[in-house]
PDB file of N, CA and C in Angstrom:
ATOM      1  N   MET A   1     -57.764  98.389 -61.270  1.00  0.00           N
ATOM      2  CA  MET A   1     -56.539  98.721 -60.785  1.00  0.00           C
ATOM      3  C   MET A   1     -55.896 100.068 -61.654  1.00  0.00           C
ATOM      4  N   SER A   2     -55.213 101.098 -61.089  1.00  0.00           N
ATOM      5  CA  SER A   2     -54.447 102.196 -61.762  1.00  0.00           C
ATOM      6  C   SER A   2     -53.132 102.312 -61.516  1.00  0.00           C
ATOM      7  N   ILE A   3     -52.820 101.714 -62.515  1.00  0.00           N
ATOM      8  CA  ILE A   3     -51.195 101.749 -62.196  1.00  0.00           C
ATOM      9  C   ILE A   3     -50.573 102.791 -63.372  1.00  0.00           C
ATOM     10  N   PRO A   4     -49.744 103.648 -62.847  1.00  0.00           N
ATOM     11  CA  PRO A   4     -48.864 104.674 -63.427  1.00  0.00           C
ATOM     12  C   PRO A   4     -48.375 104.490 -64.700  1.00  0.00           C
ATOM     13  N   ASP A   5     -48.104 105.435 -65.819  1.00  0.00           N
ATOM     14  CA  ASP A   5     -47.797 105.138 -67.217  1.00  0.00           C
ATOM     15  C   ASP A   5     -46.503 104.474 -67.111  1.00  0.00           C
ATOM     16  N   ASP A   6     -45.675 104.839 -66.477  1.00  0.00           N
ATOM     17  CA  ASP A   6     -44.358 104.643 -66.539  1.00  0.00           C
ATOM     18  C   ASP A   6     -44.540 103.057 -65.940  1.00  0.00           C
ATOM     19  N   VAL A   7     -44.449 103.348 -64.934  1.00  0.00           N
ATOM     20  CA  VAL A   7     -44.507 101.697 -64.411  1.00  0.00           C
ATOM     21  C   VAL A   7     -45.331 100.147 -65.741  1.00  0.00           C
ATOM     22  N   TYR A   8     -46.959 100.405 -65.943  1.00  0.00           N
ATOM     23  CA  TYR A   8     -47.100 100.040 -66.621  1.00  0.00           C
ATOM     24  C   TYR A   8     -45.833  99.864 -67.827  1.00  0.00           C
ATOM     25  N   ARG A   9     -44.962 100.351 -68.543  1.00  0.00           N
ATOM     26  CA  ARG A   9     -44.293 100.684 -69.595  1.00  0.00           C
ATOM     27  C   ARG A   9     -43.031 100.067 -69.457  1.00  0.00           C
ATOM     28  N   ARG A  10     -42.495  99.901 -68.101  1.00  0.00           N
ATOM     29  CA  ARG A  10     -41.582  98.838 -67.550  1.00  0.00           C
ATOM     30  C   ARG A  10     -42.131  97.861 -67.233  1.00  0.00           C
ATOM     31  N   ALA A  11     -43.301  97.420 -66.870  1.00  0.00           N
ATOM     32  CA  ALA A  11     -43.885  96.480 -66.484  1.00  0.00           C
ATOM     33  C   ALA A  11     -43.750  95.546 -68.511  1.00  0.00           C
ATOM     34  N   ARG A  12     -44.090  95.965 -69.007  1.00  0.00           N
ATOM     35  CA  ARG A  12     -44.216  95.734 -70.640  1.00  0.00           C
ATOM     36  C   ARG A  12     -42.941  95.234 -71.261  1.00  0.00           C
ATOM     37  N   ILE A  13     -41.669  96.051 -71.167  1.00  0.00           N
ATOM     38  CA  ILE A  13     -40.745  95.707 -71.663  1.00  0.00           C
ATOM     39  C   ILE A  13     -40.117  94.536 -70.681  1.00  0.00           C
ATOM     40  N   LEU A  14     -40.437  94.949 -69.088  1.00  0.00           N
ATOM     41  CA  LEU A  14     -39.471  93.431 -68.718  1.00  0.00           C
ATOM     42  C   LEU A  14     -40.430  91.923 -69.101  1.00  0.00           C
ATOM     43  N   ALA A  15     -41.791  91.988 -69.055  1.00  0.00           N
ATOM     44  CA  ALA A  15     -42.245  91.541 -70.283  1.00  0.00           C
ATOM     45  C   ALA A  15     -41.421  90.345 -70.914  1.00  0.00           C
ATOM     46  N   ALA A  16     -41.781  91.799 -72.217  1.00  0.00           N
ATOM     47  CA  ALA A  16     -41.270  91.051 -73.209  1.00  0.00           C
ATOM     48  C   ALA A  16     -39.667  90.545 -73.607  1.00  0.00           C
ATOM     49  N   GLU A  17     -39.128  91.820 -72.617  1.00  0.00           N
ATOM     50  CA  GLU A  17     -37.539  90.008 -72.519  1.00  0.00           C
ATOM     51  C   GLU A  17     -37.448  88.594 -72.068  1.00  0.00           C
ATOM     52  N   ARG A  18     -38.606  89.106 -71.157  1.00  0.00           N
ATOM     53  CA  ARG A  18     -38.891  87.221 -70.534  1.00  0.00           C
ATOM     54  C   ARG A  18     -39.978  86.486 -71.733  1.00  0.00           C
ATOM     55  N   GLY A  19     -40.107  87.578 -72.313  1.00  0.00           N
ATOM     56  CA  GLY A  19     -41.624  86.559 -73.806  1.00  0.00           C
ATOM     57  C   GLY A  19     -42.341  86.048 -72.411  1.00  0.00           C
ATOM     58  N   SER A  20     -43.155  87.180 -71.944  1.00  0.00           N
ATOM     59  CA  SER A  20     -44.277  86.602 -71.285  1.00  0.00           C
ATOM     60  C   SER A  20     -44.702  87.934 -71.346  1.00  0.00           C
ATOM     61  N   SER A  21     -46.435  88.405 -70.286  1.00  0.00           N
ATOM     62  CA  SER A  21     -46.937  89.744 -70.446  1.00  0.00           C
ATOM     63  C   SER A  21     -47.212  89.521 -69.060  1.00  0.00           C
ATOM     64  N   VAL A  22     -47.966  91.643 -69.471  1.00  0.00           N
ATOM     65  CA  VAL A  22     -47.578  92.094 -67.459  1.00  0.00           C
ATOM     66  C   VAL A  22     -49.044  91.273 -66.769  1.00  0.00           C
ATOM     67  N   SER A  23     -50.061  90.805 -67.859  1.00  0.00           N
ATOM     68  CA  SER A  23     -50.666  90.331 -66.576  1.00  0.00           C
ATOM     69  C   SER A  23     -50.239  88.197 -66.406  1.00  0.00           C
ATOM     70  N   ALA A  24     -49.171  87.745 -66.461  1.00  0.00           N
ATOM     71  CA  ALA A  24     -48.608  86.176 -66.582  1.00  0.00           C
ATOM     72  C   ALA A  24     -47.410  87.213 -64.999  1.00  0.00           C
ATOM     73  N   LEU A  25     -46.769  88.536 -65.587  1.00  0.00           N
ATOM     74  CA  LEU A  25     -45.840  89.064 -64.393  1.00  0.00           C
ATOM     75  C   LEU A  25     -46.673  89.306 -63.285  1.00  0.00           C
ATOM     76  N   VAL A  26     -47.799  89.849 -63.059  1.00  0.00           N
ATOM     77  CA  VAL A  26     -48.879  90.122 -62.131  1.00  0.00           C
ATOM     78  C   VAL A  26     -49.194  89.129 -61.447  1.00  0.00           C
ATOM     79  N   SER A  27     -49.665  87.775 -62.014  1.00  0.00           N
ATOM     80  CA  SER A  27     -49.814  86.653 -61.939  1.00  0.00           C
ATOM     81  C   SER A  27     -48.470  85.681 -60.711  1.00  0.00           C
ATOM     82  N   GLU A  28     -47.328  85.721 -61.482  1.00  0.00           N
ATOM     83  CA  GLU A  28     -46.208  85.216 -60.412  1.00  0.00           C
ATOM     84  C   GLU A  28     -45.886  86.159 -59.663  1.00  0.00           C
ATOM     85  N   PHE A  29     -46.266  86.925 -59.732  1.00  0.00           N
ATOM     86  CA  PHE A  29     -45.810  88.259 -58.586  1.00  0.00           C
ATOM     87  C   PHE A  29     -46.783  87.977 -57.453  1.00  0.00           C
ATOM     88  N   LEU A  30     -48.448  88.009 -57.619  1.00  0.00           N
ATOM     89  CA  LEU A  30     -49.277  87.584 -56.933  1.00  0.00           C
ATOM     90  C   LEU A  30     -48.913  86.144 -55.933  1.00  0.00           C
ATOM     91  N   ARG A  31     -48.601  85.336 -56.917  1.00  0.00           N
ATOM     92  CA  ARG A  31     -48.040  83.728 -56.579  1.00  0.00           C
ATOM     93  C   ARG A  31     -47.104  84.039 -55.492  1.00  0.00           C
ATOM     94  N   SER A  32     -46.222  84.374 -55.943  1.00  0.00           N
ATOM     95  CA  SER A  32     -44.788  84.308 -54.768  1.00  0.00           C
ATOM     96  C   SER A  32     -45.103  85.163 -53.265  1.00  0.00           C
ATOM     97  N   LEU A  33     -46.269  85.920 -53.250  1.00  0.00           N
ATOM     98  CA  LEU A  33     -46.626  86.890 -52.108  1.00  0.00           C
ATOM     99  C   LEU A  33     -47.109  85.644 -51.444  1.00  0.00           C
ATOM    100  N   SER A  34     -48.129  84.607 -51.768  1.00  0.00           N
ATOM    101  CA  SER A  34     -48.691  83.841 -51.281  1.00  0.00           C
ATOM    102  C   SER A  34     -47.720  82.729 -50.630  1.00  0.00           C
ATOM    103  N   GLU A  35     -47.281  82.542 -52.017  1.00  0.00           N
ATOM    104  CA  GLU A  35     -45.474  81.468 -50.733  1.00  0.00           C
ATOM    105  C   GLU A  35     -44.897  81.746 -50.107  1.00  0.00           C
ATOM    106  N   GLY A  36     -44.774  83.088 -50.039  1.00  0.00           N
ATOM    107  CA  GLY A  36     -43.664  83.426 -49.305  1.00  0.00           C
ATOM    108  C   GLY A  36     -44.594  83.476 -47.601  1.00  0.00           C
ATOM    109  N   ARG A  37     -45.796  83.788 -48.080  1.00  0.00           N
ATOM    110  CA  ARG A  37     -46.589  83.746 -46.384  1.00  0.00           C
ATOM    111  C   ARG A  37     -46.466  82.492 -46.277  1.00  0.00           C
ATOM    112  N   ASP A  38     -47.286  81.813 -47.061  1.00  0.00           N
ATOM    113  CA  ASP A  38     -47.165  79.765 -46.684  1.00  0.00           C
ATOM    114  C   ASP A  38     -45.497  79.311 -45.846  1.00  0.00           C
ATOM    115  N   GLU A  39     -44.296  79.806 -46.558  1.00  0.00           N
ATOM    116  CA  GLU A  39     -43.459  79.581 -45.961  1.00  0.00           C
ATOM    117  C   GLU A  39     -42.966  80.154 -44.757  1.00  0.00           C
ATOM    118  N   PHE A  40     -43.199  81.916 -44.527  1.00  0.00           N
ATOM    119  CA  PHE A  40     -43.686  82.556 -43.158  1.00  0.00           C
ATOM    120  C   PHE A  40     -44.539  81.707 -41.740  1.00  0.00           C
ATOM    121  N   SER A  41     -45.641  80.926 -41.990  1.00  0.00           N
ATOM    122  CA  SER A  41     -45.696  80.018 -40.977  1.00  0.00           C
ATOM    123  C   SER A  41     -45.766  78.997 -41.032  1.00  0.00           C
ATOM    124  N   ARG A  42     -44.999  78.085 -42.552  1.00  0.00           N
ATOM    125  CA  ARG A  42     -44.231  77.289 -41.917  1.00  0.00           C
ATOM    126  C   ARG A  42     -42.830  77.400 -40.521  1.00  0.00           C
ATOM    127  N   LEU A  43     -42.068  78.519 -40.939  1.00  0.00           N
ATOM    128  CA  LEU A  43     -41.188  78.366 -40.003  1.00  0.00           C
ATOM    129  C   LEU A  43     -41.918  78.804 -38.775  1.00  0.00           C
ATOM    130  N   GLU A  44     -42.723  79.558 -38.656  1.00  0.00           N
ATOM    131  CA  GLU A  44     -43.031  80.071 -37.541  1.00  0.00           C
ATOM    132  C   GLU A  44     -43.677  79.126 -36.596  1.00  0.00           C
ATOM    133  N   ALA A  45     -44.354  77.989 -37.224  1.00  0.00           N
ATOM    134  CA  ALA A  45     -44.299  77.144 -36.646  1.00  0.00           C
ATOM    135  C   ALA A  45     -43.060  75.965 -35.818  1.00  0.00           C
ATOM    136  N   ARG A  46     -42.235  75.978 -36.854  1.00  0.00           N
ATOM    137  CA  ARG A  46     -41.350  75.722 -37.025  1.00  0.00           C
ATOM    138  C   ARG A  46     -40.117  76.020 -35.077  1.00  0.00           C
ATOM    139  N   GLN A  47     -41.043  77.403 -35.735  1.00  0.00           N
ATOM    140  CA  GLN A  47     -40.003  78.437 -34.148  1.00  0.00           C
ATOM    141  C   GLN A  47     -40.464  77.445 -32.832  1.00  0.00           C
ATOM    142  N   ARG A  48     -42.265  77.875 -33.129  1.00  0.00           N
ATOM    143  CA  ARG A  48     -43.063  77.596 -31.956  1.00  0.00           C
ATOM    144  C   ARG A  48     -42.525  76.170 -31.189  1.00  0.00           C
ATOM    145  N   ARG A  49     -42.644  75.019 -32.104  1.00  0.00           N
ATOM    146  CA  ARG A  49     -41.806  73.600 -31.509  1.00  0.00           C
ATOM    147  C   ARG A  49     -41.099  73.675 -31.236  1.00  0.00           C
ATOM    148  N   ILE A  50     -39.733  74.264 -31.889  1.00  0.00           N
ATOM    149  CA  ILE A  50     -38.049  74.545 -30.999  1.00  0.00           C
ATOM    150  C   ILE A  50     -38.272  74.683 -29.597  1.00  0.00           C
ATOM    151  N   GLN A  51     -39.369  76.457 -29.810  1.00  0.00           N
ATOM    152  CA  GLN A  51     -39.311  76.725 -27.580  1.00  0.00           C
ATOM    153  C   GLN A  51     -39.757  75.789 -27.070  1.00  0.00           C
ATOM    154  N   ASP A  52     -40.726  75.086 -27.933  1.00  0.00           N
ATOM    155  CA  ASP A  52     -41.386  74.536 -27.083  1.00  0.00           C
ATOM    156  C   ASP A  52     -40.897  73.082 -25.666  1.00  0.00           C
ATOM    157  N   GLU A  53     -39.290  72.988 -27.020  1.00  0.00           N
ATOM    158  CA  GLU A  53     -38.311  72.132 -26.842  1.00  0.00           C
ATOM    159  C   GLU A  53     -38.032  72.232 -25.329  1.00  0.00           C
ATOM    160  N   ILE A  54     -37.758  73.467 -25.745  1.00  0.00           N
ATOM    161  CA  ILE A  54     -36.433  74.104 -24.829  1.00  0.00           C
ATOM    162  C   ILE A  54     -37.355  74.401 -23.766  1.00  0.00           C
ATOM    163  N   ARG A  55     -38.297  75.027 -23.372  1.00  0.00           N
ATOM    164  CA  ARG A  55     -39.625  75.329 -22.129  1.00  0.00           C
ATOM    165  C   ARG A  55     -38.720  73.489 -21.563  1.00  0.00           C
ATOM    166  N   HIS A  56     -38.865  72.777 -22.135  1.00  0.00           N
ATOM    167  CA  HIS A  56     -38.357  71.123 -21.117  1.00  0.00           C
ATOM    168  C   HIS A  56     -37.414  70.967 -21.741  1.00  0.00           C
ATOM    169  N   PHE A  57     -36.378  71.716 -21.191  1.00  0.00           N
ATOM    170  CA  PHE A  57     -34.619  71.598 -21.500  1.00  0.00           C
ATOM    171  C   PHE A  57     -35.245  72.040 -19.706  1.00  0.00           C
ATOM    172  N   SER A  58     -34.087  70.842 -19.463  1.00  0.00           N
ATOM    173  CA  SER A  58     -33.366  70.613 -17.617  1.00  0.00           C
ATOM    174  C   SER A  58     -31.783  70.075 -17.789  1.00  0.00           C
ATOM    175  N   ALA A  59     -31.834  71.131 -17.346  1.00  0.00           N
ATOM    176  CA  ALA A  59     -30.116  71.371 -17.294  1.00  0.00           C
ATOM    177  C   ALA A  59     -29.386  69.597 -16.168  1.00  0.00           C
ATOM    178  N   ARG A  60     -30.450  68.917 -15.739  1.00  0.00           N
ATOM    179  CA  ARG A  60     -30.421  67.967 -14.691  1.00  0.00           C
ATOM    180  C   ARG A  60     -30.386  67.036 -16.043  1.00  0.00           C
ATOM    181  N   ASN A  61     -30.406  66.617 -17.658  1.00  0.00           N
ATOM    182  CA  ASN A  61     -30.206  65.791 -18.243  1.00  0.00           C
ATOM    183  C   ASN A  61     -29.141  66.014 -19.786  1.00  0.00           C
ATOM    184  N   ARG A  62     -28.009  66.361 -18.615  1.00  0.00           N
ATOM    185  CA  ARG A  62     -26.539  67.248 -19.164  1.00  0.00           C
ATOM    186  C   ARG A  62     -25.535  65.760 -19.126  1.00  0.00           C
ATOM    187  N   LEU A  63     -25.010  65.617 -20.294  1.00  0.00           N
ATOM    188  CA  LEU A  63     -24.433  64.255 -20.713  1.00  0.00           C
ATOM    189  C   LEU A  63     -23.264  64.334 -19.885  1.00  0.00           C
ATOM    190  N   ARG A  64     -22.522  63.452 -19.656  1.00  0.00           N
ATOM    191  CA  ARG A  64     -21.085  63.619 -18.665  1.00  0.00           C
ATOM    192  C   ARG A  64     -20.201  63.587 -19.971  1.00  0.00           C
ATOM    193  N   ARG A  65     -19.452  64.068 -19.654  1.00  0.00           N
ATOM    194  CA  ARG A  65     -17.810  64.737 -19.620  1.00  0.00           C
ATOM    195  C   ARG A  65     -17.568  63.409 -21.181  1.00  0.00           C
ATOM    196  N   ASP A  66     -17.596  61.349 -20.428  1.00  0.00           N
ATOM    197  CA  ASP A  66     -17.357  60.915 -21.219  1.00  0.00           C
ATOM    198  C   ASP A  66     -18.368  60.161 -22.091  1.00  0.00           C
ATOM    199  N   GLU A  67     -19.741  61.383 -22.156  1.00  0.00           N
ATOM    200  CA  GLU A  67     -20.100  60.468 -22.834  1.00  0.00           C
ATOM    201  C   GLU A  67     -20.751  61.834 -23.868  1.00  0.00           C
ATOM    202  N   ILE A  68     -20.187  62.416 -23.900  1.00  0.00           N
ATOM    203  CA  ILE A  68     -19.857  63.428 -25.036  1.00  0.00           C
ATOM    204  C   ILE A  68     -18.594  63.094 -26.030  1.00  0.00           C
ATOM    205  N   HIS A  69     -17.882  62.452 -25.291  1.00  0.00           N
ATOM    206  CA  HIS A  69     -16.449  62.883 -26.507  1.00  0.00           C
ATOM    207  C   HIS A  69     -16.505  61.143 -26.862  1.00  0.00           C
ATOM    208  N   ASP A  70     -17.732  60.522 -26.603  1.00  0.00           N
ATOM    209  CA  ASP A  70     -18.098  59.061 -26.984  1.00  0.00           C
ATOM    210  C   ASP A  70     -18.531  59.713 -27.786  1.00  0.00           C
ATOM    211  N   ARG A  71     -19.668  60.403 -27.771  1.00  0.00           N
ATOM    212  CA  ARG A  71     -21.283  60.812 -28.955  1.00  0.00           C
ATOM    213  C   ARG A  71     -20.248  61.652 -30.697  1.00  0.00           C
ATOM    214  N   ALA A  72     -18.548  61.697 -29.985  1.00  0.00           N
ATOM    215  CA  ALA A  72     -17.910  62.758 -31.131  1.00  0.00           C
ATOM    216  C   ALA A  72     -17.321  61.690 -31.726  1.00  0.00           C
ATOM    217  N   VAL A  73     -17.269  60.629 -31.536  1.00  0.00           N
ATOM    218  CA  VAL A  73     -16.387  59.691 -32.388  1.00  0.00           C
ATOM    219  C   VAL A  73     -16.832  59.217 -32.612  1.00  0.00           C
ATOM    220  N   ARG A  74     -17.893  58.889 -33.077  1.00  0.00           N
ATOM    221  CA  ARG A  74     -19.245  57.741 -33.597  1.00  0.00           C
ATOM    222  C   ARG A  74     -19.283  58.065 -35.272  1.00  0.00           C
TER     223      ARG A  74
END
């Protein structure tokens, strides 16, 4: 891997400020990328489930006015 000198120098300074190493910073960054992807996949699956529920929605299944107000009181 090739890193410009100025970028590496700033990374070393940041690592020192955090009491860490450049290698640990890179590891942390790569881990955050994979965790972000996992979170994206989880949210994408949730979106698909919600959209499936919406497809099964029918206006005939609406609550009556008194049922809506009864639910709000509980």
